[in-house]
PDB file of all heavy atoms in Angstrom:
ATOM      1  N   LEU A   1       1.354  -1.989  19.826  1.00  0.00           N
ATOM      2  CA  LEU A   1       1.197  -0.475  19.783  1.00  0.00           C
ATOM      3  C   LEU A   1       2.337   0.166  20.597  1.00  0.00           C
ATOM      4  O   LEU A   1       2.894   1.213  20.126  1.00  0.00           O
ATOM      5  CB  LEU A   1      -0.126  -0.120  20.402  1.00  0.00           C
ATOM      6  CG  LEU A   1      -1.329  -0.329  19.372  1.00  0.00           C
ATOM      7  CD1 LEU A   1      -2.664  -0.048  20.145  1.00  0.00           C
ATOM      8  CD2 LEU A   1      -1.224   0.669  18.194  1.00  0.00           C
ATOM      9  N   LYS A   2       2.636  -0.470  21.709  1.00  0.00           N
ATOM     10  CA  LYS A   2       3.711   0.028  22.581  1.00  0.00           C
ATOM     11  C   LYS A   2       4.994   0.012  21.827  1.00  0.00           C
ATOM     12  O   LYS A   2       5.819   1.071  21.852  1.00  0.00           O
ATOM     13  CB  LYS A   2       3.855  -0.751  23.818  1.00  0.00           C
ATOM     14  CG  LYS A   2       4.718  -0.219  24.876  1.00  0.00           C
ATOM     15  CD  LYS A   2       4.578  -1.142  26.154  1.00  0.00           C
ATOM     16  CE  LYS A   2       5.699  -0.729  27.170  1.00  0.00           C
ATOM     17  NZ  LYS A   2       5.661  -1.527  28.335  1.00  0.00           N
ATOM     18  N   MET A   3       5.252  -1.126  21.133  1.00  0.00           N
ATOM     19  CA  MET A   3       6.522  -1.257  20.337  1.00  0.00           C
ATOM     20  C   MET A   3       6.595  -0.189  19.211  1.00  0.00           C
ATOM     21  O   MET A   3       7.582   0.461  19.052  1.00  0.00           O
ATOM     22  CB  MET A   3       6.599  -2.564  19.775  1.00  0.00           C
ATOM     23  CG  MET A   3       7.749  -2.850  18.748  1.00  0.00           C
ATOM     24  SD  MET A   3       9.394  -2.614  19.512  1.00  0.00           S
ATOM     25  CE  MET A   3       9.619  -4.291  20.227  1.00  0.00           C
ATOM     26  N   ALA A   4       5.432  -0.050  18.497  1.00  0.00           N
ATOM     27  CA  ALA A   4       5.401   0.932  17.398  1.00  0.00           C
ATOM     28  C   ALA A   4       5.641   2.406  17.890  1.00  0.00           C
ATOM     29  O   ALA A   4       6.362   3.112  17.332  1.00  0.00           O
ATOM     30  CB  ALA A   4       3.958   0.893  16.761  1.00  0.00           C
ATOM     31  N   ARG A   5       5.094   2.747  19.077  1.00  0.00           N
ATOM     32  CA  ARG A   5       5.334   4.056  19.671  1.00  0.00           C
ATOM     33  C   ARG A   5       6.788   4.229  20.043  1.00  0.00           C
ATOM     34  O   ARG A   5       7.429   5.310  19.871  1.00  0.00           O
ATOM     35  CB  ARG A   5       4.466   4.236  20.897  1.00  0.00           C
ATOM     36  CG  ARG A   5       3.064   4.630  20.595  1.00  0.00           C
ATOM     37  CD  ARG A   5       2.983   6.084  20.318  1.00  0.00           C
ATOM     38  NE  ARG A   5       1.669   6.326  19.785  1.00  0.00           N
ATOM     39  CZ  ARG A   5       1.443   7.156  18.720  1.00  0.00           C
ATOM     40  NH1 ARG A   5       2.459   7.768  18.077  1.00  0.00           N
ATOM     41  NH2 ARG A   5       0.262   7.374  18.204  1.00  0.00           N
ATOM     42  N   SER A   6       7.484   3.134  20.529  1.00  0.00           N
ATOM     43  CA  SER A   6       8.834   3.210  20.884  1.00  0.00           C
ATOM     44  C   SER A   6       9.735   3.441  19.595  1.00  0.00           C
ATOM     45  O   SER A   6      10.689   4.228  19.607  1.00  0.00           O
ATOM     46  CB  SER A   6       9.314   1.889  21.524  1.00  0.00           C
ATOM     47  OG  SER A   6       8.629   1.758  22.761  1.00  0.00           O
ATOM     48  N   VAL A   7       9.316   2.727  18.568  1.00  0.00           N
ATOM     49  CA  VAL A   7      10.057   2.863  17.286  1.00  0.00           C
ATOM     50  C   VAL A   7       9.892   4.247  16.790  1.00  0.00           C
ATOM     51  O   VAL A   7      10.897   4.894  16.331  1.00  0.00           O
ATOM     52  CB  VAL A   7       9.557   1.851  16.209  1.00  0.00           C
ATOM     53  CG1 VAL A   7      10.087   2.126  14.851  1.00  0.00           C
ATOM     54  CG2 VAL A   7       9.989   0.359  16.571  1.00  0.00           C
ATOM     55  N   GLU A   8       8.713   4.841  16.800  1.00  0.00           N
ATOM     56  CA  GLU A   8       8.525   6.226  16.386  1.00  0.00           C
ATOM     57  C   GLU A   8       9.336   7.207  17.070  1.00  0.00           C
ATOM     58  O   GLU A   8       9.866   8.090  16.594  1.00  0.00           O
ATOM     59  CB  GLU A   8       6.945   6.513  16.362  1.00  0.00           C
ATOM     60  CG  GLU A   8       6.525   7.736  15.696  1.00  0.00           C
ATOM     61  CD  GLU A   8       6.653   9.000  16.620  1.00  0.00           C
ATOM     62  OE1 GLU A   8       6.638   8.875  17.824  1.00  0.00           O
ATOM     63  OE2 GLU A   8       6.901  10.129  16.037  1.00  0.00           O
ATOM     64  N   THR A   9       9.323   6.981  18.451  1.00  0.00           N
ATOM     65  CA  THR A   9      10.199   7.891  19.272  1.00  0.00           C
ATOM     66  C   THR A   9      11.625   7.773  19.012  1.00  0.00           C
ATOM     67  O   THR A   9      12.322   8.800  18.887  1.00  0.00           O
ATOM     68  CB  THR A   9       9.870   7.573  20.780  1.00  0.00           C
ATOM     69  OG1 THR A   9       8.519   7.651  21.036  1.00  0.00           O
ATOM     70  CG2 THR A   9      10.731   8.484  21.702  1.00  0.00           C
ATOM     71  N   ILE A  10      12.155   6.581  18.778  1.00  0.00           N
ATOM     72  CA  ILE A  10      13.595   6.394  18.500  1.00  0.00           C
ATOM     73  C   ILE A  10      13.891   7.081  17.173  1.00  0.00           C
ATOM     74  O   ILE A  10      14.880   7.800  17.003  1.00  0.00           O
ATOM     75  CB  ILE A  10      13.853   4.866  18.440  1.00  0.00           C
ATOM     76  CG1 ILE A  10      13.933   4.413  19.879  1.00  0.00           C
ATOM     77  CG2 ILE A  10      15.317   4.728  17.806  1.00  0.00           C
ATOM     78  CD1 ILE A  10      14.032   2.890  20.091  1.00  0.00           C
ATOM     79  N   LEU A  11      12.980   6.846  16.141  1.00  0.00           N
ATOM     80  CA  LEU A  11      13.341   7.482  14.837  1.00  0.00           C
ATOM     81  C   LEU A  11      13.287   9.013  15.012  1.00  0.00           C
ATOM     82  O   LEU A  11      14.149   9.685  14.505  1.00  0.00           O
ATOM     83  CB  LEU A  11      12.205   7.107  13.889  1.00  0.00           C
ATOM     84  CG  LEU A  11      12.299   5.796  13.169  1.00  0.00           C
ATOM     85  CD1 LEU A  11      10.982   5.488  12.405  1.00  0.00           C
ATOM     86  CD2 LEU A  11      13.481   5.685  12.284  1.00  0.00           C
ATOM     87  N   ARG A  12      12.339   9.589  15.698  1.00  0.00           N
ATOM     88  CA  ARG A  12      12.194  11.029  15.797  1.00  0.00           C
ATOM     89  C   ARG A  12      13.250  11.617  16.603  1.00  0.00           C
ATOM     90  O   ARG A  12      13.837  12.720  16.321  1.00  0.00           O
ATOM     91  CB  ARG A  12      10.798  11.276  16.409  1.00  0.00           C
ATOM     92  CG  ARG A  12      10.444  12.757  16.544  1.00  0.00           C
ATOM     93  CD  ARG A  12       9.055  13.015  16.985  1.00  0.00           C
ATOM     94  NE  ARG A  12       8.468  11.982  17.742  1.00  0.00           N
ATOM     95  CZ  ARG A  12       8.446  11.921  19.054  1.00  0.00           C
ATOM     96  NH1 ARG A  12       9.202  12.680  19.747  1.00  0.00           N
ATOM     97  NH2 ARG A  12       7.805  10.856  19.683  1.00  0.00           N
ATOM     98  N   GLU A  13      13.798  10.926  17.687  1.00  0.00           N
ATOM     99  CA  GLU A  13      14.679  11.552  18.624  1.00  0.00           C
ATOM    100  C   GLU A  13      16.136  11.111  18.414  1.00  0.00           C
ATOM    101  O   GLU A  13      17.125  11.835  18.951  1.00  0.00           O
ATOM    102  CB  GLU A  13      14.248  11.283  20.006  1.00  0.00           C
ATOM    103  CG  GLU A  13      12.976  11.932  20.373  1.00  0.00           C
ATOM    104  CD  GLU A  13      12.556  11.516  21.827  1.00  0.00           C
ATOM    105  OE1 GLU A  13      13.202  10.763  22.625  1.00  0.00           O
ATOM    106  OE2 GLU A  13      11.483  12.036  22.254  1.00  0.00           O
ATOM    107  N   SER A  14      16.465  10.078  17.722  1.00  0.00           N
ATOM    108  CA  SER A  14      17.770   9.494  17.661  1.00  0.00           C
ATOM    109  C   SER A  14      18.415   9.386  16.281  1.00  0.00           C
ATOM    110  O   SER A  14      19.608   9.248  16.200  1.00  0.00           O
ATOM    111  CB  SER A  14      17.827   8.150  18.273  1.00  0.00           C
ATOM    112  OG  SER A  14      17.300   8.267  19.636  1.00  0.00           O
ATOM    113  N   VAL A  15      17.594   9.388  15.221  1.00  0.00           N
ATOM    114  CA  VAL A  15      18.165   9.106  13.907  1.00  0.00           C
ATOM    115  C   VAL A  15      18.655  10.445  13.203  1.00  0.00           C
ATOM    116  O   VAL A  15      17.915  11.410  13.238  1.00  0.00           O
ATOM    117  CB  VAL A  15      17.164   8.434  12.991  1.00  0.00           C
ATOM    118  CG1 VAL A  15      17.687   8.256  11.580  1.00  0.00           C
ATOM    119  CG2 VAL A  15      16.855   7.019  13.644  1.00  0.00           C
ATOM    120  N   LEU A  16      19.844  10.464  12.739  1.00  0.00           N
ATOM    121  CA  LEU A  16      20.316  11.571  11.959  1.00  0.00           C
ATOM    122  C   LEU A  16      20.598  11.237  10.588  1.00  0.00           C
ATOM    123  O   LEU A  16      20.928  10.057  10.241  1.00  0.00           O
ATOM    124  CB  LEU A  16      21.743  11.977  12.560  1.00  0.00           C
ATOM    125  CG  LEU A  16      21.763  12.669  13.983  1.00  0.00           C
ATOM    126  CD1 LEU A  16      23.198  12.784  14.454  1.00  0.00           C
ATOM    127  CD2 LEU A  16      21.075  13.987  13.964  1.00  0.00           C
ATOM    128  N   GLN A  17      20.418  12.196   9.648  1.00  0.00           N
ATOM    129  CA  GLN A  17      20.818  11.996   8.278  1.00  0.00           C
ATOM    130  C   GLN A  17      22.219  12.297   8.076  1.00  0.00           C
ATOM    131  O   GLN A  17      22.650  13.484   8.446  1.00  0.00           O
ATOM    132  CB  GLN A  17      19.887  12.833   7.372  1.00  0.00           C
ATOM    133  CG  GLN A  17      18.618  12.234   6.962  1.00  0.00           C
ATOM    134  CD  GLN A  17      17.945  13.001   5.902  1.00  0.00           C
ATOM    135  OE1 GLN A  17      17.816  14.230   5.955  1.00  0.00           O
ATOM    136  NE2 GLN A  17      17.431  12.393   4.881  1.00  0.00           N
ATOM    137  N   VAL A  18      22.950  11.472   7.417  1.00  0.00           N
ATOM    138  CA  VAL A  18      24.362  11.654   7.087  1.00  0.00           C
ATOM    139  C   VAL A  18      24.422  11.313   5.633  1.00  0.00           C
ATOM    140  O   VAL A  18      24.002  10.249   5.182  1.00  0.00           O
ATOM    141  CB  VAL A  18      25.277  10.780   8.016  1.00  0.00           C
ATOM    142  CG1 VAL A  18      26.740  10.994   7.612  1.00  0.00           C
ATOM    143  CG2 VAL A  18      25.050  11.119   9.433  1.00  0.00           C
ATOM    144  N   GLU A  19      25.151  12.174   4.874  1.00  0.00           N
ATOM    145  CA  GLU A  19      25.429  11.908   3.503  1.00  0.00           C
ATOM    146  C   GLU A  19      26.929  11.888   3.159  1.00  0.00           C
ATOM    147  O   GLU A  19      27.779  12.702   3.656  1.00  0.00           O
ATOM    148  CB  GLU A  19      24.835  13.012   2.655  1.00  0.00           C
ATOM    149  CG  GLU A  19      24.956  12.900   1.161  1.00  0.00           C
ATOM    150  CD  GLU A  19      24.381  14.109   0.387  1.00  0.00           C
ATOM    151  OE1 GLU A  19      23.677  14.947   1.032  1.00  0.00           O
ATOM    152  OE2 GLU A  19      24.644  14.173  -0.818  1.00  0.00           O
ATOM    153  N   HIS A  20      27.291  10.878   2.549  1.00  0.00           N
ATOM    154  CA  HIS A  20      28.754  10.629   2.145  1.00  0.00           C
ATOM    155  C   HIS A  20      28.885  11.576   0.918  1.00  0.00           C
ATOM    156  O   HIS A  20      28.367  11.362  -0.150  1.00  0.00           O
ATOM    157  CB  HIS A  20      28.944   9.232   1.781  1.00  0.00           C
ATOM    158  CG  HIS A  20      30.384   8.854   1.561  1.00  0.00           C
ATOM    159  ND1 HIS A  20      30.922   8.719   0.239  1.00  0.00           N
ATOM    160  CD2 HIS A  20      31.346   8.646   2.445  1.00  0.00           C
ATOM    161  CE1 HIS A  20      32.192   8.414   0.404  1.00  0.00           C
ATOM    162  NE2 HIS A  20      32.468   8.419   1.695  1.00  0.00           N
ATOM    163  N   VAL A  21      29.764  12.614   1.032  1.00  0.00           N
ATOM    164  CA  VAL A  21      29.948  13.573  -0.042  1.00  0.00           C
ATOM    165  C   VAL A  21      31.334  13.434  -0.764  1.00  0.00           C
ATOM    166  O   VAL A  21      31.396  13.797  -1.834  1.00  0.00           O
ATOM    167  CB  VAL A  21      29.790  15.025   0.525  1.00  0.00           C
ATOM    168  CG1 VAL A  21      28.326  15.224   0.820  1.00  0.00           C
ATOM    169  CG2 VAL A  21      30.657  15.326   1.699  1.00  0.00           C
ATOM    170  N   GLU A  22      32.329  12.953  -0.048  1.00  0.00           N
ATOM    171  CA  GLU A  22      33.578  12.742  -0.685  1.00  0.00           C
ATOM    172  C   GLU A  22      34.279  11.639  -0.070  1.00  0.00           C
ATOM    173  O   GLU A  22      33.704  10.911   0.710  1.00  0.00           O
ATOM    174  CB  GLU A  22      34.532  14.012  -0.471  1.00  0.00           C
ATOM    175  CG  GLU A  22      34.093  15.221  -1.214  1.00  0.00           C
ATOM    176  CD  GLU A  22      34.970  16.439  -0.976  1.00  0.00           C
ATOM    177  OE1 GLU A  22      36.125  16.275  -0.486  1.00  0.00           O
ATOM    178  OE2 GLU A  22      34.510  17.604  -1.204  1.00  0.00           O
ATOM    179  N   GLU A  23      35.518  11.307  -0.470  1.00  0.00           N
ATOM    180  CA  GLU A  23      36.238  10.098  -0.060  1.00  0.00           C
ATOM    181  C   GLU A  23      36.172   9.922   1.515  1.00  0.00           C
ATOM    182  O   GLU A  23      35.731   8.944   2.087  1.00  0.00           O
ATOM    183  CB  GLU A  23      37.732  10.169  -0.455  1.00  0.00           C
ATOM    184  CG  GLU A  23      38.592   8.972   0.019  1.00  0.00           C
ATOM    185  CD  GLU A  23      38.144   7.741  -0.435  1.00  0.00           C
ATOM    186  OE1 GLU A  23      37.502   7.591  -1.602  1.00  0.00           O
ATOM    187  OE2 GLU A  23      38.463   6.649   0.205  1.00  0.00           O
ATOM    188  N   ASN A  24      36.643  10.891   2.217  1.00  0.00           N
ATOM    189  CA  ASN A  24      36.691  10.873   3.822  1.00  0.00           C
ATOM    190  C   ASN A  24      35.904  12.042   4.369  1.00  0.00           C
ATOM    191  O   ASN A  24      36.239  12.539   5.332  1.00  0.00           O
ATOM    192  CB  ASN A  24      38.160  10.882   4.252  1.00  0.00           C
ATOM    193  CG  ASN A  24      38.895   9.665   3.949  1.00  0.00           C
ATOM    194  OD1 ASN A  24      38.368   8.581   4.082  1.00  0.00           O
ATOM    195  ND2 ASN A  24      40.149   9.784   3.388  1.00  0.00           N
ATOM    196  N   LYS A  25      34.769  12.316   3.754  1.00  0.00           N
ATOM    197  CA  LYS A  25      33.918  13.489   4.252  1.00  0.00           C
ATOM    198  C   LYS A  25      32.478  13.110   4.215  1.00  0.00           C
ATOM    199  O   LYS A  25      31.962  12.513   3.260  1.00  0.00           O
ATOM    200  CB  LYS A  25      34.172  14.599   3.240  1.00  0.00           C
ATOM    201  CG  LYS A  25      33.743  15.932   3.776  1.00  0.00           C
ATOM    202  CD  LYS A  25      34.258  17.017   2.824  1.00  0.00           C
ATOM    203  CE  LYS A  25      34.077  18.373   3.416  1.00  0.00           C
ATOM    204  NZ  LYS A  25      34.503  19.454   2.493  1.00  0.00           N
ATOM    205  N   ILE A  26      31.783  13.402   5.305  1.00  0.00           N
ATOM    206  CA  ILE A  26      30.389  13.249   5.380  1.00  0.00           C
ATOM    207  C   ILE A  26      29.665  14.570   5.759  1.00  0.00           C
ATOM    208  O   ILE A  26      30.381  15.408   6.256  1.00  0.00           O
ATOM    209  CB  ILE A  26      29.981  12.129   6.406  1.00  0.00           C
ATOM    210  CG1 ILE A  26      30.440  12.528   7.791  1.00  0.00           C
ATOM    211  CG2 ILE A  26      30.492  10.736   6.023  1.00  0.00           C
ATOM    212  CD1 ILE A  26      29.998  11.690   8.817  1.00  0.00           C
ATOM    213  N   LEU A  27      28.502  14.657   5.340  1.00  0.00           N
ATOM    214  CA  LEU A  27      27.709  15.911   5.622  1.00  0.00           C
ATOM    215  C   LEU A  27      26.583  15.463   6.567  1.00  0.00           C
ATOM    216  O   LEU A  27      25.746  14.567   6.230  1.00  0.00           O
ATOM    217  CB  LEU A  27      27.066  16.449   4.382  1.00  0.00           C
ATOM    218  CG  LEU A  27      26.148  17.607   4.473  1.00  0.00           C
ATOM    219  CD1 LEU A  27      26.804  18.815   5.066  1.00  0.00           C
ATOM    220  CD2 LEU A  27      25.482  17.898   3.159  1.00  0.00           C
ATOM    221  N   LEU A  28      26.533  16.050   7.825  1.00  0.00           N
ATOM    222  CA  LEU A  28      25.506  15.803   8.846  1.00  0.00           C
ATOM    223  C   LEU A  28      24.467  16.738   8.594  1.00  0.00           C
ATOM    224  O   LEU A  28      24.611  17.987   8.500  1.00  0.00           O
ATOM    225  CB  LEU A  28      26.146  15.850  10.243  1.00  0.00           C
ATOM    226  CG  LEU A  28      25.335  15.685  11.290  1.00  0.00           C
ATOM    227  CD1 LEU A  28      24.765  14.258  11.442  1.00  0.00           C
ATOM    228  CD2 LEU A  28      26.051  15.913  12.719  1.00  0.00           C
TER     229      LEU A  28
END
């Protein structure tokens, strides 16, 4: 449970969505 809570916190606070839109361009 402690590990699952840590994973949930990391996902919520640290993960960003980035999309590759062109050759050398990403969208944050």
